[in-house]
N, C-alpha and C. Protein backbone atom coordinates (compact mmCIF):
# COMPACT_ATOMS: atom_id res chain seq x y z
N MET A 1 25.86 -43.77 -64.59
CA MET A 1 26.24 -43.36 -63.26
C MET A 1 26.15 -41.86 -63.10
N GLN A 2 26.23 -41.15 -64.21
CA GLN A 2 26.06 -39.70 -64.17
C GLN A 2 24.73 -39.35 -63.52
N CYS A 3 23.73 -40.19 -63.73
CA CYS A 3 22.40 -39.98 -63.15
C CYS A 3 22.47 -39.95 -61.63
N ILE A 4 23.25 -40.84 -61.03
CA ILE A 4 23.36 -40.89 -59.58
C ILE A 4 24.07 -39.64 -59.06
N LYS A 5 25.10 -39.19 -59.76
CA LYS A 5 25.79 -37.96 -59.36
C LYS A 5 24.83 -36.79 -59.37
N VAL A 6 24.04 -36.70 -60.42
CA VAL A 6 23.07 -35.62 -60.54
C VAL A 6 22.02 -35.72 -59.43
N LEU A 7 21.58 -36.93 -59.11
CA LEU A 7 20.60 -37.12 -58.05
C LEU A 7 21.13 -36.62 -56.72
N PHE A 8 22.35 -37.00 -56.36
CA PHE A 8 22.92 -36.57 -55.09
C PHE A 8 23.11 -35.06 -55.06
N LEU A 9 23.58 -34.49 -56.16
CA LEU A 9 23.72 -33.03 -56.22
C LEU A 9 22.37 -32.36 -56.07
N SER A 10 21.35 -32.91 -56.70
CA SER A 10 20.01 -32.35 -56.61
C SER A 10 19.50 -32.39 -55.17
N LEU A 11 19.75 -33.49 -54.50
CA LEU A 11 19.31 -33.60 -53.11
C LEU A 11 19.99 -32.56 -52.23
N LEU A 12 21.25 -32.28 -52.51
CA LEU A 12 21.97 -31.29 -51.73
C LEU A 12 21.51 -29.88 -52.04
N LEU A 13 21.03 -29.67 -53.26
CA LEU A 13 20.57 -28.35 -53.65
C LEU A 13 19.18 -28.02 -53.12
N VAL A 14 18.42 -29.04 -52.79
CA VAL A 14 17.05 -28.82 -52.34
C VAL A 14 17.07 -28.44 -50.87
N SER A 15 16.37 -27.38 -50.55
CA SER A 15 16.32 -26.96 -49.15
C SER A 15 15.47 -27.93 -48.35
N PRO A 16 15.68 -27.95 -47.03
CA PRO A 16 14.84 -28.80 -46.21
C PRO A 16 13.37 -28.43 -46.37
N THR A 17 12.53 -29.42 -46.24
CA THR A 17 11.10 -29.18 -46.38
C THR A 17 10.61 -28.28 -45.26
N VAL A 18 9.95 -27.23 -45.62
CA VAL A 18 9.37 -26.32 -44.65
C VAL A 18 7.88 -26.29 -44.91
N GLN A 19 7.12 -26.56 -43.88
CA GLN A 19 5.68 -26.47 -44.01
C GLN A 19 5.29 -25.00 -43.92
N ALA A 20 5.03 -24.41 -45.05
CA ALA A 20 4.73 -22.99 -45.09
C ALA A 20 3.46 -22.74 -45.86
N ASN A 21 2.62 -21.88 -45.30
CA ASN A 21 1.41 -21.53 -46.03
C ASN A 21 1.74 -20.44 -47.05
N THR A 22 0.76 -20.05 -47.80
CA THR A 22 0.97 -19.10 -48.89
C THR A 22 1.52 -17.77 -48.38
N THR A 23 1.00 -17.27 -47.27
CA THR A 23 1.49 -15.97 -46.78
C THR A 23 2.94 -16.07 -46.32
N THR A 24 3.32 -17.20 -45.77
CA THR A 24 4.71 -17.38 -45.36
C THR A 24 5.60 -17.44 -46.60
N GLN A 25 5.16 -18.14 -47.62
CA GLN A 25 5.92 -18.19 -48.87
C GLN A 25 6.03 -16.79 -49.48
N GLU A 26 4.96 -16.02 -49.41
CA GLU A 26 5.00 -14.65 -49.93
C GLU A 26 6.00 -13.80 -49.16
N LEU A 27 6.06 -13.99 -47.84
CA LEU A 27 7.04 -13.26 -47.03
C LEU A 27 8.46 -13.66 -47.44
N ALA A 28 8.70 -14.94 -47.57
CA ALA A 28 10.04 -15.41 -47.97
C ALA A 28 10.42 -14.85 -49.34
N HIS A 29 9.49 -14.85 -50.27
CA HIS A 29 9.78 -14.32 -51.60
C HIS A 29 9.99 -12.82 -51.57
N CYS A 30 9.22 -12.12 -50.75
CA CYS A 30 9.42 -10.68 -50.60
C CYS A 30 10.82 -10.40 -50.07
N MET A 31 11.21 -11.16 -49.05
CA MET A 31 12.54 -10.96 -48.48
C MET A 31 13.62 -11.26 -49.52
N ALA A 32 13.47 -12.36 -50.24
CA ALA A 32 14.45 -12.73 -51.26
C ALA A 32 14.53 -11.68 -52.36
N ASP A 33 13.38 -11.15 -52.75
CA ASP A 33 13.34 -10.14 -53.81
C ASP A 33 14.02 -8.84 -53.40
N HIS A 34 14.10 -8.58 -52.10
CA HIS A 34 14.70 -7.34 -51.61
C HIS A 34 16.15 -7.50 -51.16
N LEU A 35 16.74 -8.63 -51.46
CA LEU A 35 18.15 -8.85 -51.13
C LEU A 35 18.98 -8.76 -52.40
N ASN A 36 20.07 -8.05 -52.34
CA ASN A 36 20.99 -8.03 -53.47
C ASN A 36 22.04 -9.12 -53.28
N GLY A 37 22.91 -9.28 -54.23
CA GLY A 37 23.91 -10.34 -54.18
C GLY A 37 24.77 -10.32 -52.93
N PRO A 38 25.37 -9.18 -52.59
CA PRO A 38 26.19 -9.15 -51.37
C PRO A 38 25.39 -9.46 -50.10
N GLU A 39 24.14 -9.03 -50.05
CA GLU A 39 23.31 -9.33 -48.88
C GLU A 39 23.00 -10.82 -48.79
N ARG A 40 22.76 -11.46 -49.93
CA ARG A 40 22.51 -12.90 -49.93
C ARG A 40 23.75 -13.66 -49.47
N ARG A 41 24.91 -13.22 -49.92
CA ARG A 41 26.15 -13.87 -49.50
C ARG A 41 26.40 -13.64 -48.01
N ALA A 42 26.06 -12.46 -47.52
CA ALA A 42 26.22 -12.18 -46.09
C ALA A 42 25.30 -13.08 -45.27
N LEU A 43 24.09 -13.31 -45.76
CA LEU A 43 23.17 -14.21 -45.08
C LEU A 43 23.72 -15.64 -45.10
N ALA A 44 24.25 -16.05 -46.23
CA ALA A 44 24.84 -17.39 -46.33
C ALA A 44 26.03 -17.52 -45.37
N ARG A 45 26.83 -16.46 -45.27
CA ARG A 45 27.98 -16.48 -44.35
C ARG A 45 27.50 -16.63 -42.91
N TRP A 46 26.44 -15.90 -42.57
CA TRP A 46 25.89 -15.97 -41.22
C TRP A 46 25.40 -17.39 -40.91
N VAL A 47 24.73 -18.01 -41.88
CA VAL A 47 24.27 -19.39 -41.71
C VAL A 47 25.48 -20.32 -41.54
N PHE A 48 26.50 -20.11 -42.35
CA PHE A 48 27.73 -20.91 -42.22
C PHE A 48 28.33 -20.75 -40.83
N PHE A 49 28.41 -19.52 -40.33
CA PHE A 49 28.95 -19.29 -39.00
C PHE A 49 28.11 -20.02 -37.96
N ALA A 50 26.79 -20.00 -38.12
CA ALA A 50 25.91 -20.69 -37.18
C ALA A 50 26.17 -22.19 -37.19
N LEU A 51 26.28 -22.77 -38.37
CA LEU A 51 26.56 -24.21 -38.48
C LEU A 51 27.94 -24.55 -37.93
N ALA A 52 28.88 -23.65 -38.13
CA ALA A 52 30.24 -23.87 -37.65
C ALA A 52 30.32 -23.86 -36.13
N ALA A 53 29.31 -23.31 -35.47
CA ALA A 53 29.29 -23.29 -34.00
C ALA A 53 29.01 -24.67 -33.42
N HIS A 54 28.50 -25.58 -34.22
CA HIS A 54 28.21 -26.93 -33.72
C HIS A 54 29.52 -27.59 -33.30
N PRO A 55 29.54 -28.26 -32.15
CA PRO A 55 30.78 -28.89 -31.67
C PRO A 55 31.44 -29.83 -32.67
N GLU A 56 30.65 -30.51 -33.49
CA GLU A 56 31.23 -31.42 -34.48
C GLU A 56 31.96 -30.66 -35.60
N MET A 57 31.59 -29.41 -35.82
CA MET A 57 32.17 -28.63 -36.90
C MET A 57 33.30 -27.72 -36.44
N GLN A 58 33.33 -27.39 -35.16
CA GLN A 58 34.31 -26.43 -34.65
C GLN A 58 35.77 -26.77 -35.00
N PRO A 59 36.18 -28.03 -34.98
CA PRO A 59 37.57 -28.31 -35.33
C PRO A 59 37.95 -27.93 -36.77
N TYR A 60 36.98 -27.73 -37.62
CA TYR A 60 37.25 -27.46 -39.04
C TYR A 60 37.14 -25.99 -39.40
N THR A 61 36.79 -25.17 -38.45
CA THR A 61 36.62 -23.75 -38.75
C THR A 61 37.34 -22.90 -37.71
N HIS A 62 37.76 -21.74 -38.14
CA HIS A 62 38.38 -20.78 -37.23
C HIS A 62 37.76 -19.42 -37.55
N ILE A 63 36.69 -19.10 -36.87
CA ILE A 63 35.98 -17.85 -37.12
C ILE A 63 36.20 -16.96 -35.91
N SER A 64 36.68 -15.76 -36.15
CA SER A 64 37.00 -14.87 -35.03
C SER A 64 35.71 -14.33 -34.40
N ALA A 65 35.83 -13.94 -33.15
CA ALA A 65 34.71 -13.32 -32.43
C ALA A 65 34.28 -12.03 -33.12
N GLN A 66 35.25 -11.31 -33.68
CA GLN A 66 34.94 -10.06 -34.40
C GLN A 66 34.12 -10.35 -35.66
N ASP A 67 34.49 -11.40 -36.39
CA ASP A 67 33.73 -11.76 -37.59
C ASP A 67 32.30 -12.17 -37.22
N ILE A 68 32.16 -12.90 -36.14
CA ILE A 68 30.82 -13.31 -35.69
C ILE A 68 30.00 -12.09 -35.31
N GLU A 69 30.58 -11.20 -34.54
CA GLU A 69 29.86 -9.99 -34.11
C GLU A 69 29.50 -9.12 -35.31
N ARG A 70 30.44 -8.96 -36.23
CA ARG A 70 30.18 -8.16 -37.44
C ARG A 70 29.03 -8.77 -38.25
N SER A 71 29.04 -10.09 -38.38
CA SER A 71 27.99 -10.79 -39.12
C SER A 71 26.64 -10.66 -38.41
N ASP A 72 26.62 -10.87 -37.10
CA ASP A 72 25.37 -10.74 -36.33
C ASP A 72 24.79 -9.34 -36.47
N LYS A 73 25.64 -8.33 -36.38
CA LYS A 73 25.19 -6.94 -36.49
C LYS A 73 24.59 -6.69 -37.87
N TYR A 74 25.29 -7.13 -38.90
CA TYR A 74 24.83 -6.91 -40.27
C TYR A 74 23.48 -7.60 -40.50
N ILE A 75 23.37 -8.85 -40.07
CA ILE A 75 22.13 -9.60 -40.28
C ILE A 75 20.99 -9.02 -39.45
N GLY A 76 21.28 -8.55 -38.25
CA GLY A 76 20.26 -7.88 -37.44
C GLY A 76 19.71 -6.65 -38.14
N GLU A 77 20.62 -5.83 -38.68
CA GLU A 77 20.20 -4.62 -39.40
C GLU A 77 19.47 -4.97 -40.69
N LEU A 78 19.95 -5.98 -41.38
CA LEU A 78 19.31 -6.42 -42.62
C LEU A 78 17.90 -6.94 -42.36
N THR A 79 17.75 -7.75 -41.33
CA THR A 79 16.44 -8.31 -40.99
C THR A 79 15.48 -7.20 -40.58
N THR A 80 15.98 -6.25 -39.81
CA THR A 80 15.13 -5.10 -39.44
C THR A 80 14.65 -4.38 -40.68
N ARG A 81 15.54 -4.12 -41.62
CA ARG A 81 15.14 -3.44 -42.85
C ARG A 81 14.09 -4.23 -43.62
N LEU A 82 14.32 -5.55 -43.74
CA LEU A 82 13.37 -6.39 -44.47
C LEU A 82 11.99 -6.34 -43.84
N PHE A 83 11.92 -6.43 -42.51
CA PHE A 83 10.63 -6.45 -41.82
C PHE A 83 9.97 -5.08 -41.75
N VAL A 84 10.75 -4.03 -41.57
CA VAL A 84 10.19 -2.70 -41.33
C VAL A 84 9.98 -1.92 -42.62
N GLU A 85 10.93 -2.01 -43.54
CA GLU A 85 10.85 -1.19 -44.74
C GLU A 85 10.38 -1.96 -45.98
N ASP A 86 10.92 -3.15 -46.19
CA ASP A 86 10.68 -3.86 -47.44
C ASP A 86 9.44 -4.74 -47.44
N CYS A 87 9.17 -5.41 -46.35
CA CYS A 87 8.11 -6.44 -46.34
C CYS A 87 7.20 -6.37 -45.12
N PRO A 88 6.85 -5.18 -44.63
CA PRO A 88 6.03 -5.15 -43.40
C PRO A 88 4.65 -5.77 -43.58
N ASN A 89 4.02 -5.54 -44.70
CA ASN A 89 2.68 -6.09 -44.90
C ASN A 89 2.72 -7.61 -45.05
N ALA A 90 3.71 -8.10 -45.77
CA ALA A 90 3.86 -9.55 -45.93
C ALA A 90 4.16 -10.20 -44.57
N MET A 91 4.97 -9.53 -43.74
CA MET A 91 5.28 -10.07 -42.43
C MET A 91 4.03 -10.12 -41.55
N LYS A 92 3.27 -9.05 -41.53
CA LYS A 92 2.04 -9.02 -40.73
C LYS A 92 1.06 -10.10 -41.17
N ALA A 93 0.87 -10.23 -42.47
CA ALA A 93 -0.07 -11.23 -43.00
C ALA A 93 0.39 -12.65 -42.65
N ALA A 94 1.68 -12.89 -42.79
CA ALA A 94 2.21 -14.23 -42.51
C ALA A 94 2.05 -14.58 -41.03
N LEU A 95 2.37 -13.62 -40.16
CA LEU A 95 2.23 -13.88 -38.72
C LEU A 95 0.78 -14.05 -38.30
N ALA A 96 -0.12 -13.32 -38.95
CA ALA A 96 -1.54 -13.47 -38.64
C ALA A 96 -2.04 -14.86 -39.04
N ALA A 97 -1.49 -15.42 -40.09
CA ALA A 97 -1.93 -16.72 -40.58
C ALA A 97 -1.23 -17.89 -39.89
N GLN A 98 -0.01 -17.64 -39.42
CA GLN A 98 0.78 -18.74 -38.87
C GLN A 98 1.79 -18.19 -37.87
N PRO A 99 1.71 -18.62 -36.61
CA PRO A 99 2.61 -18.10 -35.59
C PRO A 99 4.09 -18.38 -35.86
N THR A 100 4.40 -19.42 -36.59
CA THR A 100 5.80 -19.76 -36.88
C THR A 100 6.27 -19.20 -38.22
N ALA A 101 5.55 -18.23 -38.75
CA ALA A 101 5.82 -17.71 -40.09
C ALA A 101 7.24 -17.19 -40.25
N LEU A 102 7.76 -16.49 -39.26
CA LEU A 102 9.09 -15.92 -39.41
C LEU A 102 10.15 -17.01 -39.49
N ILE A 103 10.04 -18.02 -38.66
CA ILE A 103 10.98 -19.14 -38.70
C ILE A 103 10.88 -19.85 -40.04
N ASP A 104 9.65 -20.11 -40.47
CA ASP A 104 9.44 -20.81 -41.73
C ASP A 104 9.93 -19.99 -42.92
N ALA A 105 9.68 -18.68 -42.89
CA ALA A 105 10.12 -17.82 -43.99
C ALA A 105 11.64 -17.80 -44.08
N PHE A 106 12.31 -17.74 -42.93
CA PHE A 106 13.77 -17.77 -42.95
C PHE A 106 14.29 -19.12 -43.42
N GLY A 107 13.56 -20.18 -43.12
CA GLY A 107 13.93 -21.50 -43.64
C GLY A 107 13.87 -21.53 -45.16
N LEU A 108 12.81 -20.97 -45.71
CA LEU A 108 12.68 -20.89 -47.16
C LEU A 108 13.76 -19.99 -47.76
N LEU A 109 13.99 -18.86 -47.12
CA LEU A 109 15.01 -17.93 -47.60
C LEU A 109 16.39 -18.57 -47.54
N GLY A 110 16.66 -19.30 -46.48
CA GLY A 110 17.94 -20.01 -46.36
C GLY A 110 18.12 -21.01 -47.50
N GLY A 111 17.03 -21.67 -47.88
CA GLY A 111 17.10 -22.60 -49.01
C GLY A 111 17.44 -21.90 -50.30
N ILE A 112 16.87 -20.73 -50.51
CA ILE A 112 17.15 -19.95 -51.72
C ILE A 112 18.62 -19.54 -51.75
N VAL A 113 19.11 -19.02 -50.63
CA VAL A 113 20.50 -18.59 -50.55
C VAL A 113 21.44 -19.77 -50.75
N THR A 114 21.13 -20.90 -50.14
CA THR A 114 21.96 -22.09 -50.28
C THR A 114 22.00 -22.57 -51.72
N GLN A 115 20.87 -22.56 -52.39
CA GLN A 115 20.84 -22.98 -53.79
C GLN A 115 21.76 -22.12 -54.64
N GLU A 116 21.78 -20.83 -54.36
CA GLU A 116 22.64 -19.94 -55.14
C GLU A 116 24.12 -20.28 -54.91
N LEU A 117 24.50 -20.55 -53.67
CA LEU A 117 25.89 -20.92 -53.39
C LEU A 117 26.23 -22.26 -54.01
N MET A 118 25.31 -23.19 -53.96
CA MET A 118 25.55 -24.53 -54.50
C MET A 118 25.68 -24.52 -56.01
N ALA A 119 25.20 -23.48 -56.66
CA ALA A 119 25.28 -23.39 -58.11
C ALA A 119 26.68 -22.99 -58.60
N ASP A 120 27.52 -22.54 -57.69
CA ASP A 120 28.88 -22.16 -58.06
C ASP A 120 29.68 -23.39 -58.50
N LYS A 121 30.44 -23.27 -59.57
CA LYS A 121 31.17 -24.41 -60.11
C LYS A 121 32.14 -25.02 -59.10
N ALA A 122 32.83 -24.19 -58.34
CA ALA A 122 33.78 -24.72 -57.34
C ALA A 122 33.05 -25.56 -56.30
N VAL A 123 31.85 -25.13 -55.92
CA VAL A 123 31.07 -25.88 -54.92
C VAL A 123 30.56 -27.19 -55.52
N THR A 124 30.00 -27.13 -56.73
CA THR A 124 29.49 -28.36 -57.33
C THR A 124 30.61 -29.35 -57.62
N ASP A 125 31.77 -28.85 -58.01
CA ASP A 125 32.91 -29.74 -58.21
C ASP A 125 33.30 -30.42 -56.91
N TYR A 126 33.32 -29.66 -55.83
CA TYR A 126 33.67 -30.23 -54.53
C TYR A 126 32.63 -31.27 -54.10
N VAL A 127 31.37 -30.92 -54.23
CA VAL A 127 30.28 -31.83 -53.82
C VAL A 127 30.32 -33.12 -54.63
N ALA A 128 30.69 -33.02 -55.88
CA ALA A 128 30.75 -34.22 -56.73
C ALA A 128 31.95 -35.10 -56.40
N GLY A 129 32.86 -34.63 -55.59
CA GLY A 129 34.07 -35.38 -55.28
C GLY A 129 33.83 -36.74 -54.66
N TYR A 130 32.75 -36.90 -53.92
CA TYR A 130 32.45 -38.19 -53.29
C TYR A 130 32.23 -39.29 -54.33
N SER A 131 31.81 -38.87 -55.53
CA SER A 131 31.39 -39.85 -56.53
C SER A 131 32.52 -40.78 -56.97
N LYS A 132 33.77 -40.35 -56.79
CA LYS A 132 34.88 -41.24 -57.16
C LYS A 132 34.98 -42.43 -56.21
N HIS A 133 34.26 -42.36 -55.10
CA HIS A 133 34.27 -43.45 -54.12
C HIS A 133 33.00 -44.30 -54.16
N LEU A 134 32.11 -43.98 -55.07
CA LEU A 134 30.88 -44.77 -55.22
C LEU A 134 31.19 -46.15 -55.79
N ASN A 135 30.48 -47.14 -55.33
CA ASN A 135 30.57 -48.46 -55.94
C ASN A 135 29.41 -48.53 -56.93
N GLU A 136 29.69 -48.11 -58.14
CA GLU A 136 28.66 -48.00 -59.16
C GLU A 136 28.00 -49.35 -59.45
N GLU A 137 28.79 -50.40 -59.44
CA GLU A 137 28.26 -51.73 -59.74
C GLU A 137 27.18 -52.11 -58.73
N LYS A 138 27.44 -51.90 -57.45
CA LYS A 138 26.46 -52.23 -56.42
C LYS A 138 25.19 -51.39 -56.56
N ILE A 139 25.36 -50.13 -56.87
CA ILE A 139 24.20 -49.25 -57.00
C ILE A 139 23.37 -49.64 -58.21
N VAL A 140 24.01 -49.87 -59.33
CA VAL A 140 23.28 -50.28 -60.54
C VAL A 140 22.59 -51.61 -60.27
N ASN A 141 23.26 -52.53 -59.59
CA ASN A 141 22.68 -53.82 -59.28
C ASN A 141 21.40 -53.68 -58.46
N ILE A 142 21.44 -52.88 -57.42
CA ILE A 142 20.25 -52.72 -56.56
C ILE A 142 19.13 -52.00 -57.31
N LEU A 143 19.48 -51.09 -58.20
CA LEU A 143 18.46 -50.39 -58.97
C LEU A 143 17.81 -51.28 -60.01
N SER A 144 18.50 -52.32 -60.43
CA SER A 144 17.95 -53.21 -61.46
C SER A 144 17.02 -54.27 -60.87
N LYS A 145 16.99 -54.38 -59.55
CA LYS A 145 16.11 -55.36 -58.90
C LYS A 145 14.74 -54.76 -58.67
N PRO A 146 13.70 -55.61 -58.78
CA PRO A 146 12.34 -55.10 -58.55
C PRO A 146 12.08 -54.73 -57.10
């Protein structure tokens, strides 16, 4: 059953599939390479704030308007730096090859940031919590059938 726990954790660690060409991947990697730990966590926080804005999630979060504004400002400045100072050539090449390159690159970057957060022991312990409610017998049974 440990295999099933690992499978579910692996699925959660994998970022959503992004159709990205090589130049878009190069842009995402350039951006990731130019982010330090606090910047990556700030990006993850910004993504969390964005997800928390969904009506289904709002009852579970209490994020102040000041925190949102502070996060938006920081990410705006960070993104400007990445595009203008750190990765201008990669950005130009990616956009020339694919009009959706910036969206796709941020999708890839979001996956990288998410994987780093998911690697934390407290997070993996929490994510594994569902496994105590698995019906292992039913799962093993279905897996044993052709």
